[in-house]
Amino acid sequence: MKHLLFKIAAFSIFSFLVMVSETPSYLKIIFISAMLFFFLPFGNDLFTKERMWRKFIAALSGTVVFTVLTLFAPVLLSGYLTNFNGFLGSGDPFGYSILVFSNTLFYFLIYGLPASLLSDWLSARYPHRMAAAGFVHFGFGVLLIGELWVLPVISAIIFWVIDELLQRRTAKELVEI
């Protein structure tokens, strides 16, 4: 009973945050639908402590990687260090980094985590589990592509790669991190 009350409280808080944001309506529906995933009657084998910890580490690591890529993308695309120096001099790069980090972490936890858990559940049935999981992650990234260009797909691929790398580690190694 405590778990159900906790799930309802967490769902209510995150739903409120999504609803008061300036996110387009169709994205609000997608995010809230993804959060409803936690209410589905899956067995305890899907929500193990090891798996949830791994997903959280993947979300946090993916957020860091995505934030760094967002900061250095102008330099990487142009090849000129002057673009990065112009970026540093044009405003508050630390504030921009915090904004990108917090938004990305929020979306990874609200949307990416349920999508990744669903990916694990679906891909367990296929002999090529890794390819199926990648396809599901990619598909959930494509759902958000309209408003945010290709950033959700890049985020989904980052999340999937980090999750697959972490999945290869044993539970003991993962907890020691």
Protein backbone atom coordinates (compact mmCIF):
# COMPACT_ATOMS: atom_id res chain seq x y z
CA MET A 1 0.00 0.00 0.00
CA LYS A 2 2.88 2.39 0.81
CA HIS A 3 4.33 1.82 -2.65
CA LEU A 4 1.05 2.67 -4.34
CA LEU A 5 0.69 5.87 -2.31
CA PHE A 6 4.28 6.80 -3.17
CA LYS A 7 3.63 6.16 -6.86
CA ILE A 8 0.47 8.27 -6.77
CA ALA A 9 2.26 11.13 -4.99
CA ALA A 10 5.21 11.05 -7.41
CA PHE A 11 2.89 10.88 -10.41
CA SER A 12 0.85 13.83 -9.09
CA ILE A 13 3.92 15.99 -8.50
CA PHE A 14 5.49 15.26 -11.89
CA SER A 15 2.16 15.66 -13.67
CA PHE A 16 1.72 19.05 -12.04
CA LEU A 17 5.23 20.08 -13.13
CA VAL A 18 4.56 18.98 -16.70
CA MET A 19 1.14 20.65 -16.83
CA VAL A 20 2.35 24.05 -15.58
CA SER A 21 5.33 24.07 -17.93
CA GLU A 22 5.20 25.80 -21.29
CA THR A 23 5.62 22.50 -23.09
CA PRO A 24 3.32 22.02 -26.11
CA SER A 25 0.13 20.09 -25.36
CA TYR A 26 1.00 16.99 -27.37
CA LEU A 27 4.30 16.68 -25.47
CA LYS A 28 2.47 17.01 -22.16
CA ILE A 29 0.26 14.08 -23.15
CA ILE A 30 3.30 12.00 -24.15
CA PHE A 31 5.13 12.75 -20.88
CA ILE A 32 2.15 12.00 -18.65
CA SER A 33 1.45 8.80 -20.60
CA ALA A 34 5.05 7.72 -20.11
CA MET A 35 4.74 8.30 -16.38
CA LEU A 36 1.61 6.13 -16.26
CA PHE A 37 3.90 3.25 -17.21
CA PHE A 38 4.85 2.89 -13.53
CA PHE A 39 1.25 2.04 -12.64
CA LEU A 40 1.11 -0.98 -14.96
CA PRO A 41 1.02 -4.30 -13.12
CA PHE A 42 4.48 -5.61 -13.99
CA GLY A 43 6.13 -8.21 -11.84
CA ASN A 44 8.88 -7.35 -9.41
CA ASP A 45 11.46 -8.64 -11.89
CA LEU A 46 11.12 -5.45 -13.96
CA PHE A 47 11.53 -3.01 -11.07
CA THR A 48 14.55 -4.57 -9.36
CA LYS A 49 16.84 -2.39 -7.30
CA GLU A 50 19.75 -3.15 -9.62
CA ARG A 51 17.80 -2.22 -12.75
CA MET A 52 16.38 0.99 -11.29
CA TRP A 53 19.81 2.03 -10.01
CA ARG A 54 21.31 1.29 -13.44
CA LYS A 55 18.62 3.35 -15.18
CA PHE A 56 19.16 6.26 -12.79
CA ILE A 57 22.93 6.17 -13.39
CA ALA A 58 22.29 5.99 -17.15
CA ALA A 59 19.96 9.01 -16.92
CA LEU A 60 22.45 11.02 -14.88
CA SER A 61 25.41 10.05 -17.07
CA GLY A 62 23.42 10.69 -20.23
CA THR A 63 22.50 14.12 -18.93
CA VAL A 64 26.15 14.98 -18.35
CA VAL A 65 27.17 13.70 -21.80
CA PHE A 66 24.32 15.55 -23.52
CA THR A 67 25.12 18.79 -21.66
CA VAL A 68 28.79 18.58 -22.65
CA LEU A 69 27.86 17.82 -26.27
CA THR A 70 25.47 20.77 -26.29
CA LEU A 71 28.21 23.08 -25.05
CA PHE A 72 30.85 21.86 -27.48
CA ALA A 73 28.67 21.26 -30.55
CA PRO A 74 29.44 24.66 -32.13
CA VAL A 75 33.18 23.97 -31.78
CA LEU A 76 32.88 20.42 -33.10
CA LEU A 77 30.75 21.41 -36.07
CA SER A 78 32.77 24.42 -37.16
CA GLY A 79 36.22 23.24 -36.16
CA TYR A 80 37.14 26.70 -34.94
CA LEU A 81 37.97 27.37 -31.33
CA THR A 82 36.87 30.97 -31.85
CA ASN A 83 33.22 29.89 -31.78
CA PHE A 84 33.68 28.52 -28.27
CA ASN A 85 35.50 31.66 -27.15
CA GLY A 86 32.65 33.73 -28.59
CA PHE A 87 30.17 31.56 -26.72
CA LEU A 88 32.02 32.02 -23.44
CA GLY A 89 32.14 35.77 -23.93
CA SER A 90 28.54 36.15 -25.09
CA GLY A 91 26.74 35.37 -21.88
CA ASP A 92 26.67 33.06 -18.93
CA PRO A 93 27.86 29.61 -20.06
CA PHE A 94 27.57 28.22 -16.52
CA GLY A 95 23.93 29.29 -16.29
CA TYR A 96 23.28 27.84 -19.74
CA SER A 97 24.92 24.56 -18.67
CA ILE A 98 22.78 24.36 -15.54
CA LEU A 99 19.64 25.04 -17.59
CA VAL A 100 20.48 22.34 -20.16
CA PHE A 101 21.50 19.89 -17.41
CA SER A 102 18.35 20.37 -15.33
CA ASN A 103 15.98 20.17 -18.31
CA THR A 104 17.71 17.13 -19.73
CA LEU A 105 17.73 15.33 -16.37
CA PHE A 106 14.03 16.10 -15.91
CA TYR A 107 13.14 14.67 -19.32
CA PHE A 108 15.43 11.66 -18.89
CA LEU A 109 13.73 10.80 -15.60
CA ILE A 110 10.16 11.57 -16.69
CA TYR A 111 10.28 10.21 -20.23
CA GLY A 112 13.52 8.32 -20.76
CA LEU A 113 13.36 6.10 -17.69
CA PRO A 114 9.88 4.66 -18.41
CA ALA A 115 10.77 4.30 -22.10
CA SER A 116 13.94 2.43 -21.18
CA LEU A 117 12.10 0.14 -18.75
CA LEU A 118 9.52 -0.60 -21.44
CA SER A 119 12.39 -1.25 -23.83
CA ASP A 120 13.87 -3.80 -21.40
CA TRP A 121 10.52 -5.51 -21.03
CA LEU A 122 9.87 -5.65 -24.79
CA SER A 123 13.39 -6.57 -25.88
CA ALA A 124 13.68 -9.46 -23.41
CA ARG A 125 11.41 -11.46 -25.73
CA TYR A 126 13.68 -11.18 -28.79
CA PRO A 127 16.88 -13.07 -29.57
CA HIS A 128 18.59 -9.82 -30.67
CA ARG A 129 17.81 -8.00 -27.45
CA MET A 130 20.32 -5.17 -27.89
CA ALA A 131 19.08 -4.22 -31.37
CA ALA A 132 15.44 -4.38 -30.23
CA ALA A 133 16.23 -2.17 -27.22
CA GLY A 134 18.01 0.33 -29.46
CA PHE A 135 15.05 0.42 -31.83
CA VAL A 136 12.61 1.08 -28.97
CA HIS A 137 14.83 3.87 -27.57
CA PHE A 138 15.15 5.39 -31.04
CA GLY A 139 11.37 5.15 -31.54
CA PHE A 140 10.63 6.98 -28.31
CA GLY A 141 13.13 9.66 -29.31
CA VAL A 142 11.39 10.07 -32.68
CA LEU A 143 8.05 10.68 -30.90
CA LEU A 144 9.42 13.99 -29.63
CA ILE A 145 11.20 15.05 -32.80
CA GLY A 146 8.63 17.60 -34.01
CA GLU A 147 9.17 20.39 -31.53
CA LEU A 148 12.74 19.72 -30.49
CA TRP A 149 14.42 18.88 -33.81
CA VAL A 150 16.74 15.83 -33.48
CA LEU A 151 17.80 16.41 -29.87
CA PRO A 152 15.44 13.75 -28.44
CA VAL A 153 16.83 11.13 -30.81
CA ILE A 154 20.39 12.03 -29.82
CA SER A 155 19.39 11.86 -26.15
CA ALA A 156 17.68 8.49 -26.64
CA ILE A 157 20.75 7.04 -28.35
CA ILE A 158 23.03 8.37 -25.58
CA PHE A 159 20.74 6.87 -22.92
CA TRP A 160 20.64 3.52 -24.73
CA VAL A 161 24.42 3.30 -25.21
CA ILE A 162 25.14 4.14 -21.57
CA ASP A 163 22.46 1.73 -20.36
CA GLU A 164 23.87 -1.08 -22.51
CA LEU A 165 27.38 -0.40 -21.21
CA LEU A 166 26.13 -0.44 -17.62
CA GLN A 167 24.09 -3.57 -18.21
CA ARG A 168 27.27 -5.47 -19.05
CA ARG A 169 28.57 -4.79 -15.56
CA THR A 170 27.62 -6.97 -12.64
CA ALA A 171 25.29 -5.73 -9.93
CA LYS A 172 28.15 -5.55 -7.42
CA GLU A 173 30.28 -3.36 -9.67
CA LEU A 174 27.30 -1.11 -10.36
CA VAL A 175 26.56 -0.49 -6.68
CA GLU A 176 30.22 0.28 -5.98
CA ILE A 177 30.19 3.17 -8.49
